[in-house]
Amino acid sequence: MRMAPGDRPWDVHRPILRSSLETAADRAGLGPRRRCFACPAVGALLYAVPALDPTLIAGVSGLLVAAVPLAIFVPAHRATRADRMEKLRHD
């Protein structure tokens, strides 16, 4: 990831976070539908939890969507903190 000389860090973070959150929300919406097809196999692996428990499905989907901004922001923030002139000298 490279920043132009006049860019602010948030100008770089915003599009990356937006696209990753859109992808995560899209995948979280597909997950419960796919789980319905895998119900017999998943039900055999769970103990004392029904395979189609809506609270569990919503909780896991929400947890995964909540983890995405942190997983994306930390490396993006680290990359934008680097000194651009120092990077150009080494290239």
N, C-alpha and C. Protein backbone atom coordinates (compact mmCIF):
# COMPACT_ATOMS: atom_id res chain seq x y z
N MET A 1 0.85 -1.16 0.00
CA MET A 1 0.00 0.00 0.00
C MET A 1 0.90 1.23 0.00
N ARG A 2 0.64 2.13 -0.91
CA ARG A 2 1.43 3.36 -1.00
C ARG A 2 0.50 4.56 -0.86
N MET A 3 1.04 5.59 -0.23
CA MET A 3 0.29 6.84 -0.07
C MET A 3 0.94 7.91 -0.93
N ALA A 4 0.12 8.72 -1.53
CA ALA A 4 0.63 9.87 -2.27
C ALA A 4 1.13 10.90 -1.26
N PRO A 5 2.03 11.79 -1.66
CA PRO A 5 2.58 12.75 -0.71
C PRO A 5 1.55 13.62 0.01
N GLY A 6 0.41 13.92 -0.59
CA GLY A 6 -0.57 14.77 0.07
C GLY A 6 -1.68 14.04 0.79
N ASP A 7 -1.68 12.71 0.74
CA ASP A 7 -2.76 11.94 1.36
C ASP A 7 -2.67 11.95 2.88
N ARG A 8 -3.84 11.98 3.49
CA ARG A 8 -3.93 11.79 4.93
C ARG A 8 -4.17 10.31 5.19
N PRO A 9 -3.78 9.82 6.34
CA PRO A 9 -3.99 8.38 6.61
C PRO A 9 -5.44 7.94 6.49
N TRP A 10 -6.38 8.78 6.93
CA TRP A 10 -7.78 8.39 6.86
C TRP A 10 -8.27 8.25 5.42
N ASP A 11 -7.67 9.01 4.50
CA ASP A 11 -8.03 8.88 3.08
C ASP A 11 -7.64 7.52 2.53
N VAL A 12 -6.65 6.91 3.13
CA VAL A 12 -6.24 5.56 2.72
C VAL A 12 -7.05 4.51 3.46
N HIS A 13 -7.31 4.72 4.74
CA HIS A 13 -8.04 3.73 5.55
C HIS A 13 -9.49 3.58 5.12
N ARG A 14 -10.15 4.68 4.81
CA ARG A 14 -11.59 4.67 4.56
C ARG A 14 -12.00 3.71 3.44
N PRO A 15 -11.42 3.77 2.24
CA PRO A 15 -11.87 2.85 1.20
C PRO A 15 -11.55 1.39 1.51
N ILE A 16 -10.45 1.14 2.20
CA ILE A 16 -10.11 -0.23 2.55
C ILE A 16 -11.10 -0.78 3.56
N LEU A 17 -11.42 0.01 4.59
CA LEU A 17 -12.40 -0.43 5.59
C LEU A 17 -13.78 -0.62 4.98
N ARG A 18 -14.18 0.30 4.12
CA ARG A 18 -15.50 0.21 3.51
C ARG A 18 -15.64 -1.06 2.69
N SER A 19 -14.67 -1.34 1.83
CA SER A 19 -14.78 -2.53 0.98
C SER A 19 -14.71 -3.81 1.80
N SER A 20 -13.89 -3.84 2.84
CA SER A 20 -13.80 -5.05 3.65
C SER A 20 -15.07 -5.28 4.47
N LEU A 21 -15.67 -4.20 4.98
CA LEU A 21 -16.93 -4.36 5.72
C LEU A 21 -18.08 -4.78 4.81
N GLU A 22 -18.10 -4.27 3.59
CA GLU A 22 -19.13 -4.70 2.64
C GLU A 22 -18.99 -6.19 2.34
N THR A 23 -17.77 -6.64 2.14
CA THR A 23 -17.54 -8.06 1.87
C THR A 23 -17.91 -8.91 3.08
N ALA A 24 -17.54 -8.48 4.27
CA ALA A 24 -17.85 -9.25 5.48
C ALA A 24 -19.36 -9.32 5.72
N ALA A 25 -20.06 -8.22 5.52
CA ALA A 25 -21.52 -8.23 5.71
C ALA A 25 -22.19 -9.13 4.68
N ASP A 26 -21.68 -9.11 3.46
CA ASP A 26 -22.23 -9.97 2.42
C ASP A 26 -22.01 -11.43 2.77
N ARG A 27 -20.82 -11.77 3.22
CA ARG A 27 -20.52 -13.16 3.59
C ARG A 27 -21.29 -13.58 4.84
N ALA A 28 -21.49 -12.68 5.78
CA ALA A 28 -22.25 -13.02 6.98
C ALA A 28 -23.70 -13.30 6.64
N GLY A 29 -24.21 -12.65 5.62
CA GLY A 29 -25.58 -12.93 5.18
C GLY A 29 -25.70 -14.26 4.47
N LEU A 30 -24.64 -14.70 3.81
CA LEU A 30 -24.66 -15.99 3.12
C LEU A 30 -24.45 -17.16 4.07
N GLY A 31 -23.74 -16.94 5.16
CA GLY A 31 -23.40 -18.02 6.09
C GLY A 31 -24.60 -18.79 6.64
N PRO A 32 -25.61 -18.11 7.18
CA PRO A 32 -26.76 -18.86 7.71
C PRO A 32 -27.50 -19.65 6.64
N ARG A 33 -27.56 -19.15 5.43
CA ARG A 33 -28.23 -19.90 4.36
C ARG A 33 -27.45 -21.17 4.02
N ARG A 34 -26.14 -21.06 4.00
CA ARG A 34 -25.32 -22.25 3.72
C ARG A 34 -25.40 -23.24 4.87
N ARG A 35 -25.54 -22.74 6.07
CA ARG A 35 -25.59 -23.62 7.23
C ARG A 35 -26.85 -24.49 7.20
N CYS A 36 -27.93 -23.99 6.64
CA CYS A 36 -29.15 -24.79 6.54
C CYS A 36 -28.93 -26.05 5.71
N PHE A 37 -28.08 -25.95 4.70
CA PHE A 37 -27.79 -27.11 3.86
C PHE A 37 -26.88 -28.11 4.58
N ALA A 38 -26.06 -27.62 5.48
CA ALA A 38 -25.12 -28.48 6.19
C ALA A 38 -25.66 -28.92 7.56
N CYS A 39 -26.94 -28.71 7.81
CA CYS A 39 -27.54 -28.99 9.11
C CYS A 39 -27.29 -30.41 9.62
N PRO A 40 -27.50 -31.43 8.83
CA PRO A 40 -27.28 -32.79 9.37
C PRO A 40 -25.84 -33.01 9.84
N ALA A 41 -24.87 -32.55 9.09
CA ALA A 41 -23.48 -32.76 9.47
C ALA A 41 -23.09 -31.89 10.66
N VAL A 42 -23.55 -30.66 10.69
CA VAL A 42 -23.22 -29.75 11.78
C VAL A 42 -23.92 -30.18 13.06
N GLY A 43 -25.15 -30.65 12.95
CA GLY A 43 -25.90 -31.09 14.13
C GLY A 43 -25.22 -32.22 14.87
N ALA A 44 -24.51 -33.09 14.15
CA ALA A 44 -23.81 -34.20 14.79
C ALA A 44 -22.60 -33.73 15.57
N LEU A 45 -22.05 -32.57 15.23
CA LEU A 45 -20.85 -32.07 15.90
C LEU A 45 -21.16 -31.22 17.13
N LEU A 46 -22.37 -30.72 17.25
CA LEU A 46 -22.73 -29.83 18.34
C LEU A 46 -23.28 -30.60 19.53
N TYR A 47 -22.98 -30.12 20.73
CA TYR A 47 -23.48 -30.74 21.94
C TYR A 47 -24.40 -29.77 22.66
N ALA A 48 -25.64 -30.14 22.86
CA ALA A 48 -26.64 -29.37 23.61
C ALA A 48 -26.99 -28.03 22.95
N VAL A 49 -26.75 -27.91 21.64
CA VAL A 49 -27.12 -26.71 20.90
C VAL A 49 -27.77 -27.16 19.60
N PRO A 50 -28.98 -26.70 19.32
CA PRO A 50 -29.58 -27.08 18.04
C PRO A 50 -28.80 -26.49 16.86
N ALA A 51 -28.78 -27.21 15.76
CA ALA A 51 -28.00 -26.79 14.59
C ALA A 51 -28.52 -25.49 13.98
N LEU A 52 -29.79 -25.22 14.14
CA LEU A 52 -30.38 -24.00 13.56
C LEU A 52 -30.78 -22.99 14.64
N ASP A 53 -29.98 -22.87 15.67
CA ASP A 53 -30.25 -21.91 16.74
C ASP A 53 -30.02 -20.49 16.21
N PRO A 54 -31.08 -19.68 16.06
CA PRO A 54 -30.91 -18.36 15.46
C PRO A 54 -30.04 -17.41 16.30
N THR A 55 -30.08 -17.56 17.62
CA THR A 55 -29.25 -16.71 18.47
C THR A 55 -27.77 -17.00 18.25
N LEU A 56 -27.44 -18.26 18.15
CA LEU A 56 -26.05 -18.66 17.92
C LEU A 56 -25.57 -18.21 16.54
N ILE A 57 -26.38 -18.39 15.54
CA ILE A 57 -26.02 -17.99 14.18
C ILE A 57 -25.81 -16.49 14.11
N ALA A 58 -26.72 -15.72 14.69
CA ALA A 58 -26.60 -14.26 14.67
C ALA A 58 -25.39 -13.81 15.48
N GLY A 59 -25.14 -14.45 16.60
CA GLY A 59 -24.00 -14.08 17.44
C GLY A 59 -22.67 -14.33 16.77
N VAL A 60 -22.52 -15.48 16.14
CA VAL A 60 -21.26 -15.79 15.45
C VAL A 60 -21.07 -14.87 14.25
N SER A 61 -22.14 -14.64 13.49
CA SER A 61 -22.03 -13.73 12.34
C SER A 61 -21.67 -12.32 12.79
N GLY A 62 -22.29 -11.84 13.85
CA GLY A 62 -21.98 -10.51 14.37
C GLY A 62 -20.56 -10.41 14.89
N LEU A 63 -20.08 -11.47 15.55
CA LEU A 63 -18.71 -11.47 16.06
C LEU A 63 -17.70 -11.41 14.91
N LEU A 64 -17.95 -12.16 13.86
CA LEU A 64 -17.04 -12.14 12.72
C LEU A 64 -17.04 -10.79 12.02
N VAL A 65 -18.21 -10.18 11.86
CA VAL A 65 -18.28 -8.86 11.22
C VAL A 65 -17.62 -7.81 12.11
N ALA A 66 -17.73 -7.95 13.43
CA ALA A 66 -17.10 -7.00 14.35
C ALA A 66 -15.58 -7.14 14.36
N ALA A 67 -15.06 -8.32 14.06
CA ALA A 67 -13.62 -8.53 14.07
C ALA A 67 -12.95 -8.00 12.81
N VAL A 68 -13.70 -7.83 11.74
CA VAL A 68 -13.12 -7.39 10.46
C VAL A 68 -12.47 -6.01 10.55
N PRO A 69 -13.11 -4.98 11.12
CA PRO A 69 -12.45 -3.68 11.15
C PRO A 69 -11.11 -3.70 11.88
N LEU A 70 -11.04 -4.44 12.96
CA LEU A 70 -9.78 -4.53 13.69
C LEU A 70 -8.72 -5.25 12.88
N ALA A 71 -9.11 -6.33 12.22
CA ALA A 71 -8.16 -7.09 11.41
C ALA A 71 -7.67 -6.30 10.20
N ILE A 72 -8.45 -5.37 9.71
CA ILE A 72 -8.05 -4.57 8.56
C ILE A 72 -7.35 -3.29 9.01
N PHE A 73 -7.85 -2.66 10.07
CA PHE A 73 -7.33 -1.36 10.48
C PHE A 73 -5.89 -1.43 11.00
N VAL A 74 -5.58 -2.46 11.76
CA VAL A 74 -4.25 -2.54 12.37
C VAL A 74 -3.14 -2.56 11.32
N PRO A 75 -3.17 -3.45 10.31
CA PRO A 75 -2.11 -3.40 9.30
C PRO A 75 -2.14 -2.13 8.46
N ALA A 76 -3.34 -1.61 8.16
CA ALA A 76 -3.43 -0.38 7.37
C ALA A 76 -2.85 0.80 8.15
N HIS A 77 -3.12 0.85 9.43
CA HIS A 77 -2.59 1.94 10.26
C HIS A 77 -1.07 1.85 10.35
N ARG A 78 -0.56 0.64 10.49
CA ARG A 78 0.89 0.45 10.57
C ARG A 78 1.55 0.86 9.25
N ALA A 79 0.91 0.54 8.14
CA ALA A 79 1.48 0.89 6.84
C ALA A 79 1.48 2.39 6.60
N THR A 80 0.46 3.09 7.07
CA THR A 80 0.39 4.54 6.83
C THR A 80 1.27 5.31 7.81
N ARG A 81 1.69 4.70 8.90
CA ARG A 81 2.59 5.38 9.84
C ARG A 81 4.03 5.38 9.36
N ALA A 82 4.36 4.52 8.42
CA ALA A 82 5.74 4.42 7.95
C ALA A 82 6.16 5.72 7.26
N ASP A 83 7.42 6.05 7.38
CA ASP A 83 7.95 7.25 6.76
C ASP A 83 8.11 7.01 5.26
N ARG A 84 7.39 7.81 4.47
CA ARG A 84 7.39 7.61 3.01
C ARG A 84 8.75 7.89 2.40
N MET A 85 9.44 8.90 2.87
CA MET A 85 10.74 9.24 2.29
C MET A 85 11.77 8.14 2.59
N GLU A 86 11.67 7.56 3.76
CA GLU A 86 12.58 6.47 4.10
C GLU A 86 12.32 5.26 3.19
N LYS A 87 11.07 4.98 2.93
CA LYS A 87 10.72 3.87 2.02
C LYS A 87 11.23 4.14 0.61
N LEU A 88 11.10 5.37 0.14
CA LEU A 88 11.57 5.69 -1.20
C LEU A 88 13.08 5.59 -1.32
N ARG A 89 13.80 5.93 -0.26
CA ARG A 89 15.25 5.81 -0.28
C ARG A 89 15.70 4.37 -0.41
N HIS A 90 14.95 3.45 0.20
CA HIS A 90 15.33 2.04 0.16
C HIS A 90 14.91 1.38 -1.14
N ASP A 91 13.95 1.95 -1.86
CA ASP A 91 13.52 1.36 -3.14
C ASP A 91 14.46 1.76 -4.20
